[in-house]
C-alpha atoms as a PDB file:
ATOM      1  CA  MET A   1      -0.621  20.504 -11.853  1.00  0.00           C
ATOM      2  CA  LYS A   2      -2.963  17.715 -10.835  1.00  0.00           C
ATOM      3  CA  ASP A   3      -2.427  13.987 -11.133  1.00  0.00           C
ATOM      4  CA  LYS A   4      -5.037  11.657 -12.600  1.00  0.00           C
ATOM      5  CA  ARG A   5      -6.833  11.480  -9.238  1.00  0.00           C
ATOM      6  CA  GLY A   6      -7.082  15.257  -9.051  1.00  0.00           C
ATOM      7  CA  THR A   7      -4.402  15.654  -6.398  1.00  0.00           C
ATOM      8  CA  GLU A   8      -2.004  18.587  -6.634  1.00  0.00           C
ATOM      9  CA  VAL A   9       1.635  17.930  -7.576  1.00  0.00           C
ATOM     10  CA  ASP A  10       4.410  20.534  -7.308  1.00  0.00           C
ATOM     11  CA  THR A  11       5.524  20.402 -10.940  1.00  0.00           C
ATOM     12  CA  GLU A  12       4.675  21.783 -14.364  1.00  0.00           C
ATOM     13  CA  SER A  13       5.955  18.675 -16.121  1.00  0.00           C
ATOM     14  CA  PHE A  14       3.282  16.465 -17.673  1.00  0.00           C
ATOM     15  CA  GLU A  15       5.828  13.664 -17.921  1.00  0.00           C
ATOM     16  CA  CYS A  16       6.678  13.885 -14.237  1.00  0.00           C
ATOM     17  CA  VAL A  17       3.009  13.761 -13.237  1.00  0.00           C
ATOM     18  CA  ALA A  18       2.399  10.783 -15.516  1.00  0.00           C
ATOM     19  CA  VAL A  19       5.308   8.876 -14.003  1.00  0.00           C
ATOM     20  CA  ILE A  20       4.176   9.699 -10.455  1.00  0.00           C
ATOM     21  CA  ASP A  21       0.750   8.314 -11.391  1.00  0.00           C
ATOM     22  CA  GLU A  22       2.475   5.189 -12.682  1.00  0.00           C
ATOM     23  CA  PHE A  23       4.425   4.852  -9.438  1.00  0.00           C
ATOM     24  CA  ILE A  24       1.308   5.158  -7.267  1.00  0.00           C
ATOM     25  CA  ASP A  25      -0.571   2.574  -9.310  1.00  0.00           C
ATOM     26  CA  ASN A  26       2.440   0.252  -9.267  1.00  0.00           C
ATOM     27  CA  PHE A  27       2.901   0.628  -5.506  1.00  0.00           C
ATOM     28  CA  LEU A  28      -0.770   0.042  -4.720  1.00  0.00           C
ATOM     29  CA  ALA A  29      -0.830  -2.999  -6.995  1.00  0.00           C
ATOM     30  CA  TYR A  30       2.192  -4.390  -5.122  1.00  0.00           C
ATOM     31  CA  ARG A  31       4.216  -4.554  -8.315  1.00  0.00           C
ATOM     32  CA  ARG A  32       8.006  -4.608  -8.568  1.00  0.00           C
ATOM     33  CA  SER A  33      10.514  -1.971  -9.744  1.00  0.00           C
ATOM     34  CA  ASN A  34       9.045   0.907  -7.732  1.00  0.00           C
ATOM     35  CA  TYR A  35      12.358   2.696  -7.302  1.00  0.00           C
ATOM     36  CA  ASN A  36      13.105   2.575 -11.037  1.00  0.00           C
ATOM     37  CA  ILE A  37       9.780   4.284 -11.704  1.00  0.00           C
ATOM     38  CA  ALA A  38      10.406   6.889  -8.998  1.00  0.00           C
ATOM     39  CA  GLN A  39      13.830   7.595 -10.468  1.00  0.00           C
ATOM     40  CA  ARG A  40      12.186   8.298 -13.824  1.00  0.00           C
ATOM     41  CA  ALA A  41       9.955  10.878 -12.121  1.00  0.00           C
ATOM     42  CA  VAL A  42      13.047  12.563 -10.687  1.00  0.00           C
ATOM     43  CA  GLU A  43      14.674  12.544 -14.119  1.00  0.00           C
ATOM     44  CA  ALA A  44      11.549  14.125 -15.638  1.00  0.00           C
ATOM     45  CA  ASP A  45      11.667  16.993 -13.132  1.00  0.00           C
ATOM     46  CA  GLY A  46      14.441  17.063 -10.555  1.00  0.00           C
ATOM     47  CA  GLY A  47      12.829  20.173  -9.077  1.00  0.00           C
ATOM     48  CA  CYS A  48       9.660  18.330  -8.073  1.00  0.00           C
ATOM     49  CA  ALA A  49       9.679  17.579  -4.357  1.00  0.00           C
ATOM     50  CA  MET A  50       7.003  14.904  -4.723  1.00  0.00           C
ATOM     51  CA  ALA A  51       9.190  13.016  -7.207  1.00  0.00           C
ATOM     52  CA  HIS A  52      11.940  12.806  -4.594  1.00  0.00           C
ATOM     53  CA  LEU A  53       9.472  11.883  -1.860  1.00  0.00           C
ATOM     54  CA  ILE A  54       8.073   8.915  -3.760  1.00  0.00           C
ATOM     55  CA  ALA A  55      11.681   7.828  -4.262  1.00  0.00           C
ATOM     56  CA  VAL A  56      12.027   7.881  -0.480  1.00  0.00           C
ATOM     57  CA  VAL A  57       8.899   5.742  -0.182  1.00  0.00           C
ATOM     58  CA  ALA A  58      10.353   3.279  -2.676  1.00  0.00           C
ATOM     59  CA  ARG A  59      13.484   2.958  -0.560  1.00  0.00           C
ATOM     60  CA  VAL A  60      11.798   2.881   2.865  1.00  0.00           C
ATOM     61  CA  PHE A  61       8.591   0.914   2.266  1.00  0.00           C
ATOM     62  CA  CYS A  62       9.517  -1.394  -0.578  1.00  0.00           C
ATOM     63  CA  GLU A  63      11.786  -4.415  -0.747  1.00  0.00           C
ATOM     64  CA  THR A  64      15.028  -2.479  -0.694  1.00  0.00           C
ATOM     65  CA  ASP A  65      17.697  -1.446   1.775  1.00  0.00           C
ATOM     66  CA  HIS A  66      19.149   1.773   0.453  1.00  0.00           C
ATOM     67  CA  GLN A  67      18.811   4.207   3.335  1.00  0.00           C
ATOM     68  CA  GLU A  68      21.597   6.478   2.088  1.00  0.00           C
ATOM     69  CA  GLN A  69      19.694   7.037  -1.152  1.00  0.00           C
ATOM     70  CA  ALA A  70      16.530   7.743   0.832  1.00  0.00           C
ATOM     71  CA  ASP A  71      18.448  10.326   2.879  1.00  0.00           C
ATOM     72  CA  CYS A  72      19.719  11.934  -0.321  1.00  0.00           C
ATOM     73  CA  HIS A  73      16.220  12.283  -1.743  1.00  0.00           C
ATOM     74  CA  MET A  74      14.964  13.702   1.565  1.00  0.00           C
ATOM     75  CA  GLN A  75      17.698  16.364   1.474  1.00  0.00           C
ATOM     76  CA  LEU A  76      16.875  17.259  -2.121  1.00  0.00           C
ATOM     77  CA  ALA A  77      13.167  17.502  -1.309  1.00  0.00           C
ATOM     78  CA  ARG A  78      13.937  19.743   1.658  1.00  0.00           C
ATOM     79  CA  GLY A  79      15.999  22.055  -0.529  1.00  0.00           C
ATOM     80  CA  ILE A  80      13.228  22.299  -3.121  1.00  0.00           C
ATOM     81  CA  LEU A  81      10.586  23.034  -0.476  1.00  0.00           C
ATOM     82  CA  ASP A  82      12.792  25.577   1.292  1.00  0.00           C
ATOM     83  CA  ALA A  83      13.342  27.388  -1.991  1.00  0.00           C
ATOM     84  CA  LYS A  84       9.630  27.318  -2.770  1.00  0.00           C
ATOM     85  CA  HIS A  85       8.937  28.648   0.730  1.00  0.00           C
ATOM     86  CA  GLY A  86      11.030  31.714  -0.070  1.00  0.00           C
ATOM     87  CA  ASP A  87       9.516  32.209  -3.510  1.00  0.00           C
ATOM     88  CA  LEU A  88       5.960  32.174  -2.228  1.00  0.00           C
ATOM     89  CA  GLN A  89       6.686  34.801   0.466  1.00  0.00           C
ATOM     90  CA  GLY A  90       3.775  34.092   2.764  1.00  0.00           C
ATOM     91  CA  ASN A  91       1.360  32.980   0.069  1.00  0.00           C
ATOM     92  CA  ARG A  92       2.026  29.261   0.479  1.00  0.00           C
ATOM     93  CA  SER A  93      -1.667  28.555   0.966  1.00  0.00           C
ATOM     94  CA  THR A  94      -2.198  29.378  -2.715  1.00  0.00           C
ATOM     95  CA  ASP A  95       0.181  26.627  -3.835  1.00  0.00           C
ATOM     96  CA  GLU A  96      -1.571  23.355  -3.039  1.00  0.00           C
ATOM     97  CA  GLY A  97       1.169  21.263  -4.609  1.00  0.00           C
ATOM     98  CA  TYR A  98       3.700  22.835  -2.258  1.00  0.00           C
ATOM     99  CA  LYS A  99       1.409  22.328   0.720  1.00  0.00           C
ATOM    100  CA  ARG A 100       0.812  18.656  -0.063  1.00  0.00           C
ATOM    101  CA  SER A 101       4.510  17.956  -0.627  1.00  0.00           C
ATOM    102  CA  SER A 102       5.363  19.755   2.610  1.00  0.00           C
ATOM    103  CA  LEU A 103       2.972  17.541   4.555  1.00  0.00           C
ATOM    104  CA  TRP A 104       4.440  14.471   2.860  1.00  0.00           C
ATOM    105  CA  PHE A 105       7.934  15.615   3.747  1.00  0.00           C
ATOM    106  CA  GLU A 106       6.984  16.139   7.389  1.00  0.00           C
ATOM    107  CA  ALA A 107       5.308  12.712   7.518  1.00  0.00           C
ATOM    108  CA  LEU A 108       8.367  10.954   6.102  1.00  0.00           C
ATOM    109  CA  ALA A 109      10.831  13.003   8.174  1.00  0.00           C
ATOM    110  CA  SER A 110       8.942  12.089  11.354  1.00  0.00           C
ATOM    111  CA  LEU A 111       8.892   8.433  10.380  1.00  0.00           C
ATOM    112  CA  ARG A 112      12.618   8.377   9.712  1.00  0.00           C
ATOM    113  CA  ARG A 113      13.175   9.838  13.190  1.00  0.00           C
ATOM    114  CA  GLY A 114      11.053   7.061  14.676  1.00  0.00           C
ATOM    115  CA  LEU A 115       8.151   9.390  15.472  1.00  0.00           C
ATOM    116  CA  VAL A 116       5.431   7.163  14.077  1.00  0.00           C
ATOM    117  CA  GLU A 117       2.480   8.895  15.710  1.00  0.00           C
ATOM    118  CA  SER A 118       3.683  12.269  14.442  1.00  0.00           C
ATOM    119  CA  SER A 119       3.943  10.796  10.953  1.00  0.00           C
ATOM    120  CA  ILE A 120       0.395   9.462  11.249  1.00  0.00           C
ATOM    121  CA  GLU A 121      -0.866  12.922  12.249  1.00  0.00           C
ATOM    122  CA  LYS A 122       0.500  14.362   9.019  1.00  0.00           C
ATOM    123  CA  HIS A 123      -1.108  11.623   6.944  1.00  0.00           C
ATOM    124  CA  LEU A 124      -4.427  12.286   8.685  1.00  0.00           C
ATOM    125  CA  GLN A 125      -4.051  15.960   7.781  1.00  0.00           C
ATOM    126  CA  ILE A 126      -3.408  14.959   4.173  1.00  0.00           C
ATOM    127  CA  ALA A 127      -6.554  12.781   4.218  1.00  0.00           C
ATOM    128  CA  HIS A 128      -8.527  15.823   5.379  1.00  0.00           C
ATOM    129  CA  GLU A 129      -7.033  18.370   2.972  1.00  0.00           C
ATOM    130  CA  PHE A 130      -6.203  16.126   0.011  1.00  0.00           C
ATOM    131  CA  PRO A 131      -8.656  13.207   0.268  1.00  0.00           C
ATOM    132  CA  SER A 132      -7.849  11.885  -3.210  1.00  0.00           C
ATOM    133  CA  ASP A 133      -4.270  11.166  -2.091  1.00  0.00           C
ATOM    134  CA  VAL A 134      -4.801   7.406  -1.895  1.00  0.00           C
ATOM    135  CA  MET A 135      -1.055   6.829  -1.575  1.00  0.00           C
ATOM    136  CA  SER A 136      -0.928   8.748   1.692  1.00  0.00           C
ATOM    137  CA  VAL A 137      -3.905   6.765   3.010  1.00  0.00           C
ATOM    138  CA  LYS A 138      -2.072   3.540   2.179  1.00  0.00           C
ATOM    139  CA  LEU A 139       1.102   4.620   3.971  1.00  0.00           C
ATOM    140  CA  CYS A 140      -0.925   5.676   7.002  1.00  0.00           C
ATOM    141  CA  GLN A 141      -2.661   2.299   7.097  1.00  0.00           C
ATOM    142  CA  ILE A 142       0.719   0.563   7.039  1.00  0.00           C
ATOM    143  CA  LEU A 143       1.817   2.589  10.061  1.00  0.00           C
ATOM    144  CA  TYR A 144      -1.413   1.865  11.922  1.00  0.00           C
ATOM    145  CA  LEU A 145      -1.075  -1.824  11.053  1.00  0.00           C
ATOM    146  CA  ASN A 146       2.432  -1.875  12.522  1.00  0.00           C
ATOM    147  CA  LEU A 147       1.006  -0.361  15.714  1.00  0.00           C
ATOM    148  CA  GLY A 148      -1.835  -2.880  15.832  1.00  0.00           C
ATOM    149  CA  ASP A 149      -4.376  -0.036  15.702  1.00  0.00           C
ATOM    150  CA  LYS A 150      -7.324  -1.537  13.816  1.00  0.00           C
ATOM    151  CA  GLU A 151      -9.583   1.452  14.344  1.00  0.00           C
ATOM    152  CA  GLY A 152      -6.904   3.746  12.941  1.00  0.00           C
ATOM    153  CA  ILE A 153      -6.672   1.673   9.751  1.00  0.00           C
ATOM    154  CA  LEU A 154     -10.344   2.355   9.121  1.00  0.00           C
ATOM    155  CA  ASP A 155     -10.286   5.913  10.437  1.00  0.00           C
ATOM    156  CA  VAL A 156      -7.838   7.335   7.906  1.00  0.00           C
ATOM    157  CA  ALA A 157      -9.827   5.891   4.988  1.00  0.00           C
ATOM    158  CA  GLN A 158     -13.086   7.140   6.490  1.00  0.00           C
ATOM    159  CA  LYS A 159     -11.650  10.652   6.911  1.00  0.00           C
ATOM    160  CA  ALA A 160     -10.869  10.836   3.208  1.00  0.00           C
ATOM    161  CA  ILE A 161     -14.333   9.517   2.275  1.00  0.00           C
ATOM    162  CA  ASP A 162     -15.984  12.063   4.556  1.00  0.00           C
ATOM    163  CA  GLN A 163     -14.183  14.848   2.716  1.00  0.00           C
ATOM    164  CA  ASP A 164     -14.821  13.467  -0.757  1.00  0.00           C
ATOM    165  CA  PRO A 165     -17.043  10.398  -1.279  1.00  0.00           C
ATOM    166  CA  LEU A 166     -15.848  10.241  -4.893  1.00  0.00           C
ATOM    167  CA  VAL A 167     -12.584   8.694  -3.715  1.00  0.00           C
ATOM    168  CA  LEU A 168     -14.519   5.418  -3.745  1.00  0.00           C
ATOM    169  CA  ASN A 169     -14.429   5.595  -7.535  1.00  0.00           C
ATOM    170  CA  ASP A 170     -10.807   4.470  -7.198  1.00  0.00           C
ATOM    171  CA  HIS A 171     -10.693   0.673  -6.947  1.00  0.00           C
ATOM    172  CA  PHE A 172      -7.487   0.846  -4.916  1.00  0.00           C
ATOM    173  CA  PHE A 173      -9.260   3.016  -2.362  1.00  0.00           C
ATOM    174  CA  ARG A 174     -12.090   0.482  -2.194  1.00  0.00           C
ATOM    175  CA  GLY A 175      -9.533  -2.146  -1.164  1.00  0.00           C
ATOM    176  CA  LEU A 176      -8.062   0.095   1.523  1.00  0.00           C
ATOM    177  CA  PHE A 177     -11.493   0.908   2.907  1.00  0.00           C
ATOM    178  CA  ALA A 178     -12.494  -2.774   2.811  1.00  0.00           C
ATOM    179  CA  PHE A 179      -9.366  -3.716   4.745  1.00  0.00           C
ATOM    180  CA  GLY A 180     -10.192  -1.191   7.458  1.00  0.00           C
ATOM    181  CA  LEU A 181     -13.739  -2.505   7.658  1.00  0.00           C
ATOM    182  CA  VAL A 182     -12.702  -6.138   7.984  1.00  0.00           C
ATOM    183  CA  GLU A 183     -10.150  -5.234  10.661  1.00  0.00           C
ATOM    184  CA  CYS A 184     -13.024  -3.672  12.634  1.00  0.00           C
ATOM    185  CA  ASN A 185     -15.243  -6.750  12.160  1.00  0.00           C
ATOM    186  CA  ARG A 186     -17.645  -4.996   9.770  1.00  0.00           C
ATOM    187  CA  PHE A 187     -17.626  -7.995   7.472  1.00  0.00           C
ATOM    188  CA  ASP A 188     -20.699  -7.342   5.311  1.00  0.00           C
ATOM    189  CA  GLU A 189     -19.469  -3.866   4.374  1.00  0.00           C
ATOM    190  CA  ALA A 190     -15.930  -5.118   3.880  1.00  0.00           C
ATOM    191  CA  LEU A 191     -17.109  -7.814   1.498  1.00  0.00           C
ATOM    192  CA  GLU A 192     -19.183  -5.323  -0.494  1.00  0.00           C
ATOM    193  CA  HIS A 193     -16.314  -2.863  -0.974  1.00  0.00           C
ATOM    194  CA  GLY A 194     -13.685  -5.547  -1.549  1.00  0.00           C
ATOM    195  CA  LEU A 195     -15.737  -7.222  -4.255  1.00  0.00           C
ATOM    196  CA  LEU A 196     -16.410  -3.859  -5.894  1.00  0.00           C
ATOM    197  CA  GLY A 197     -12.710  -3.037  -5.792  1.00  0.00           C
ATOM    198  CA  VAL A 198     -11.845  -6.190  -7.716  1.00  0.00           C
ATOM    199  CA  GLU A 199     -14.747  -5.712 -10.131  1.00  0.00           C
ATOM    200  CA  MET A 200     -13.639  -2.137 -10.876  1.00  0.00           C
ATOM    201  CA  ALA A 201      -9.973  -3.049 -11.382  1.00  0.00           C
ATOM    202  CA  PRO A 202      -8.686  -3.612 -14.936  1.00  0.00           C
ATOM    203  CA  ASN A 203      -8.373  -7.355 -15.486  1.00  0.00           C
ATOM    204  CA  ARG A 204      -9.285  -7.928 -11.794  1.00  0.00           C
ATOM    205  CA  CYS A 205      -5.712  -6.874 -10.874  1.00  0.00           C
ATOM    206  CA  ASP A 206      -6.118  -5.436  -7.392  1.00  0.00           C
ATOM    207  CA  PRO A 207      -4.422  -7.881  -5.005  1.00  0.00           C
ATOM    208  CA  TRP A 208      -5.231  -5.862  -1.891  1.00  0.00           C
ATOM    209  CA  SER A 209      -8.962  -5.794  -2.641  1.00  0.00           C
ATOM    210  CA  GLN A 210      -8.708  -9.542  -3.287  1.00  0.00           C
ATOM    211  CA  HIS A 211      -6.909  -9.880   0.042  1.00  0.00           C
ATOM    212  CA  SER A 212      -9.625  -7.944   1.869  1.00  0.00           C
ATOM    213  CA  VAL A 213     -12.309 -10.287   0.507  1.00  0.00           C
ATOM    214  CA  ASP A 214     -10.145 -13.239   1.510  1.00  0.00           C
ATOM    215  CA  ASN A 215      -9.963 -11.899   5.056  1.00  0.00           C
ATOM    216  CA  VAL A 216     -13.758 -11.791   5.275  1.00  0.00           C
ATOM    217  CA  TYR A 217     -14.061 -15.451   4.281  1.00  0.00           C
ATOM    218  CA  ASP A 218     -11.273 -16.313   6.708  1.00  0.00           C
ATOM    219  CA  GLN A 219     -12.937 -14.528   9.623  1.00  0.00           C
ATOM    220  CA  ARG A 220     -16.244 -16.195   8.815  1.00  0.00           C
ATOM    221  CA  GLY A 221     -14.610 -19.612   8.617  1.00  0.00           C
ATOM    222  CA  ASP A 222     -15.884 -20.112   5.071  1.00  0.00           C
ATOM    223  CA  MET A 223     -12.969 -22.131   3.702  1.00  0.00           C
ATOM    224  CA  ASP A 224     -14.664 -23.282   0.508  1.00  0.00           C
ATOM    225  CA  LYS A 225     -15.546 -19.752  -0.589  1.00  0.00           C
ATOM    226  CA  GLY A 226     -12.079 -18.590   0.389  1.00  0.00           C
ATOM    227  CA  ILE A 227     -10.399 -21.251  -1.729  1.00  0.00           C
ATOM    228  CA  GLU A 228     -12.668 -20.611  -4.703  1.00  0.00           C
ATOM    229  CA  TRP A 229     -12.068 -16.861  -4.447  1.00  0.00           C
ATOM    230  CA  MET A 230      -8.303 -17.011  -4.151  1.00  0.00           C
ATOM    231  CA  GLU A 231      -7.767 -19.736  -6.746  1.00  0.00           C
ATOM    232  CA  ARG A 232      -9.823 -17.682  -9.196  1.00  0.00           C
ATOM    233  CA  HIS A 233      -7.334 -14.811  -8.963  1.00  0.00           C
ATOM    234  CA  THR A 234      -3.952 -16.534  -8.782  1.00  0.00           C
ATOM    235  CA  ASP A 235      -3.126 -15.524 -12.359  1.00  0.00           C
ATOM    236  CA  THR A 236      -3.205 -11.860 -11.325  1.00  0.00           C
ATOM    237  CA  TRP A 237      -0.419 -12.313  -8.762  1.00  0.00           C
ATOM    238  CA  GLU A 238       2.349 -13.191 -11.202  1.00  0.00           C
ATOM    239  CA  LEU A 239       3.587  -9.593 -11.463  1.00  0.00           C
ATOM    240  CA  CYS A 240       3.312  -8.890  -7.730  1.00  0.00           C
ATOM    241  CA  ASN A 241       6.312  -8.299  -5.499  1.00  0.00           C
ATOM    242  CA  SER A 242       7.447 -11.091  -3.239  1.00  0.00           C
ATOM    243  CA  PHE A 243       5.363  -9.995  -0.239  1.00  0.00           C
ATOM    244  CA  MET A 244       2.025  -9.842  -2.044  1.00  0.00           C
ATOM    245  CA  TYR A 245       2.667 -12.909  -4.176  1.00  0.00           C
ATOM    246  CA  THR A 246       3.642 -15.114  -1.239  1.00  0.00           C
ATOM    247  CA  HIS A 247       1.132 -13.551   1.168  1.00  0.00           C
ATOM    248  CA  ASN A 248      -1.917 -14.244  -0.978  1.00  0.00           C
ATOM    249  CA  TRP A 249      -0.673 -17.777  -1.584  1.00  0.00           C
ATOM    250  CA  TRP A 250      -0.109 -18.058   2.192  1.00  0.00           C
ATOM    251  CA  HIS A 251      -3.761 -17.206   2.775  1.00  0.00           C
ATOM    252  CA  THR A 252      -4.781 -19.761   0.165  1.00  0.00           C
ATOM    253  CA  ALA A 253      -2.647 -22.429   1.837  1.00  0.00           C
ATOM    254  CA  LEU A 254      -4.260 -21.668   5.212  1.00  0.00           C
ATOM    255  CA  PHE A 255      -7.708 -22.343   3.780  1.00  0.00           C
ATOM    256  CA  TYR A 256      -6.563 -25.770   2.613  1.00  0.00           C
ATOM    257  CA  LEU A 257      -4.906 -26.426   5.967  1.00  0.00           C
ATOM    258  CA  GLU A 258      -8.131 -25.664   7.823  1.00  0.00           C
ATOM    259  CA  LYS A 259      -9.939 -28.122   5.555  1.00  0.00           C
ATOM    260  CA  GLY A 260      -7.427 -30.815   6.479  1.00  0.00           C
ATOM    261  CA  GLU A 261      -5.847 -30.903   3.006  1.00  0.00           C
ATOM    262  CA  SER A 262      -2.256 -30.948   4.236  1.00  0.00           C
ATOM    263  CA  ASP A 263      -0.763 -32.260   0.993  1.00  0.00           C
ATOM    264  CA  ARG A 264      -2.142 -29.305  -0.935  1.00  0.00           C
ATOM    265  CA  THR A 265      -0.981 -26.949   1.815  1.00  0.00           C
ATOM    266  CA  LEU A 266       2.596 -28.210   1.605  1.00  0.00           C
ATOM    267  CA  GLU A 267       2.462 -28.129  -2.197  1.00  0.00           C
ATOM    268  CA  LEU A 268       1.590 -24.434  -2.049  1.00  0.00           C
ATOM    269  CA  TYR A 269       4.336 -23.877   0.505  1.00  0.00           C
ATOM    270  CA  ASP A 270       6.943 -25.475  -1.754  1.00  0.00           C
ATOM    271  CA  ASN A 271       5.801 -23.821  -4.968  1.00  0.00           C
ATOM    272  CA  HIS A 272       4.534 -20.408  -3.934  1.00  0.00           C
ATOM    273  CA  VAL A 273       5.086 -19.445  -0.284  1.00  0.00           C
ATOM    274  CA  TRP A 274       8.798 -20.146   0.123  1.00  0.00           C
ATOM    275  CA  GLY A 275      11.578 -19.589  -2.363  1.00  0.00           C
ATOM    276  CA  PHE A 276      10.431 -16.417  -4.113  1.00  0.00           C
ATOM    277  CA  ARG A 277      12.871 -14.145  -2.308  1.00  0.00           C
ATOM    278  CA  LYS A 278      14.432 -15.958   0.602  1.00  0.00           C
ATOM    279  CA  GLU A 279      16.361 -12.959   1.927  1.00  0.00           C
ATOM    280  CA  HIS A 280      13.178 -10.918   2.379  1.00  0.00           C
ATOM    281  CA  THR A 281      11.959 -10.865   5.994  1.00  0.00           C
ATOM    282  CA  GLN A 282       8.250 -10.802   5.133  1.00  0.00           C
ATOM    283  CA  ASP A 283       8.692 -13.932   3.026  1.00  0.00           C
ATOM    284  CA  GLN A 284      10.566 -15.572   5.897  1.00  0.00           C
ATOM    285  CA  ILE A 285       7.820 -14.691   8.375  1.00  0.00           C
ATOM    286  CA  GLY A 286       5.085 -16.023   6.083  1.00  0.00           C
ATOM    287  CA  ALA A 287       6.893 -19.297   5.412  1.00  0.00           C
ATOM    288  CA  THR A 288       7.786 -19.849   9.074  1.00  0.00           C
ATOM    289  CA  SER A 289       4.271 -19.095  10.284  1.00  0.00           C
ATOM    290  CA  LEU A 290       2.754 -21.514   7.771  1.00  0.00           C
ATOM    291  CA  LEU A 291       5.067 -24.326   8.884  1.00  0.00           C
ATOM    292  CA  TRP A 292       4.271 -23.536  12.514  1.00  0.00           C
ATOM    293  CA  ARG A 293       0.538 -23.746  11.820  1.00  0.00           C
ATOM    294  CA  CYS A 294       1.063 -27.037  10.014  1.00  0.00           C
ATOM    295  CA  ASP A 295       2.973 -28.373  12.991  1.00  0.00           C
ATOM    296  CA  LEU A 296       0.179 -27.325  15.354  1.00  0.00           C
ATOM    297  CA  LYS A 297      -2.227 -29.322  13.171  1.00  0.00           C
ATOM    298  CA  GLY A 298      -0.004 -32.394  13.457  1.00  0.00           C
ATOM    299  CA  VAL A 299       1.292 -32.172   9.882  1.00  0.00           C
ATOM    300  CA  ASP A 300       4.768 -33.611   9.379  1.00  0.00           C
ATOM    301  CA  VAL A 301       6.824 -30.725   8.051  1.00  0.00           C
END
């Protein structure tokens, strides 16, 4: 079967596909409760490898620390794929859902062994063979970001576009492409795609596209436009997870800091940057870095 983006899924369950679609949208929108959604996909079809693999993503990439559960889902996915391997008897190329899930499994297995570049290679292969798999592109960008490889962040999105330009009809993909462009200092293009991503999104709810536009204004030193842009979208962050909620507010606070409005900066720190989820490392890093920047500006923190 195919999901709503036209990407093959190794299941015959309409319910399972619908829940996987929900998970992908939720993940890309930086919403909460990703594992609960993934678990519903598993319940809809426990024989779907992709359902187990998105559960692994929820445990590895999201705000959780349940590695044993991730290992369990990896083992179940392996068993499903091994069984499918035997059933297909050399005709695996005819089962695109199996092929996609196998590549996903290899990407996640490599990552869990610490072989980041090997994991990236699999995601690049997915971008070539299954360009509508926006979730894989996102995961690959995260890995490239962790490596500090700006060109790679753009490259994986560009590979998918080269295979199928229609992927740009997905507003989430626009945000990913815009982020790669801004990281490579292609600001005019980044602004165009970021703005389109937000415009295409239902109720403007695409925090990563918003973030990509923010980064353009930041790099250009246009604090007034940055503030106006971010303040216009704050209502859409209320359902975001702690990273995205605090990170977009962090960017907003930095604009005010650069304008010399330290009182407003500290107000945003107190109300939005720190205190959402204090045990989460990304929240800690954001809060600490904002205080450090304030201190460098001579603000009494």
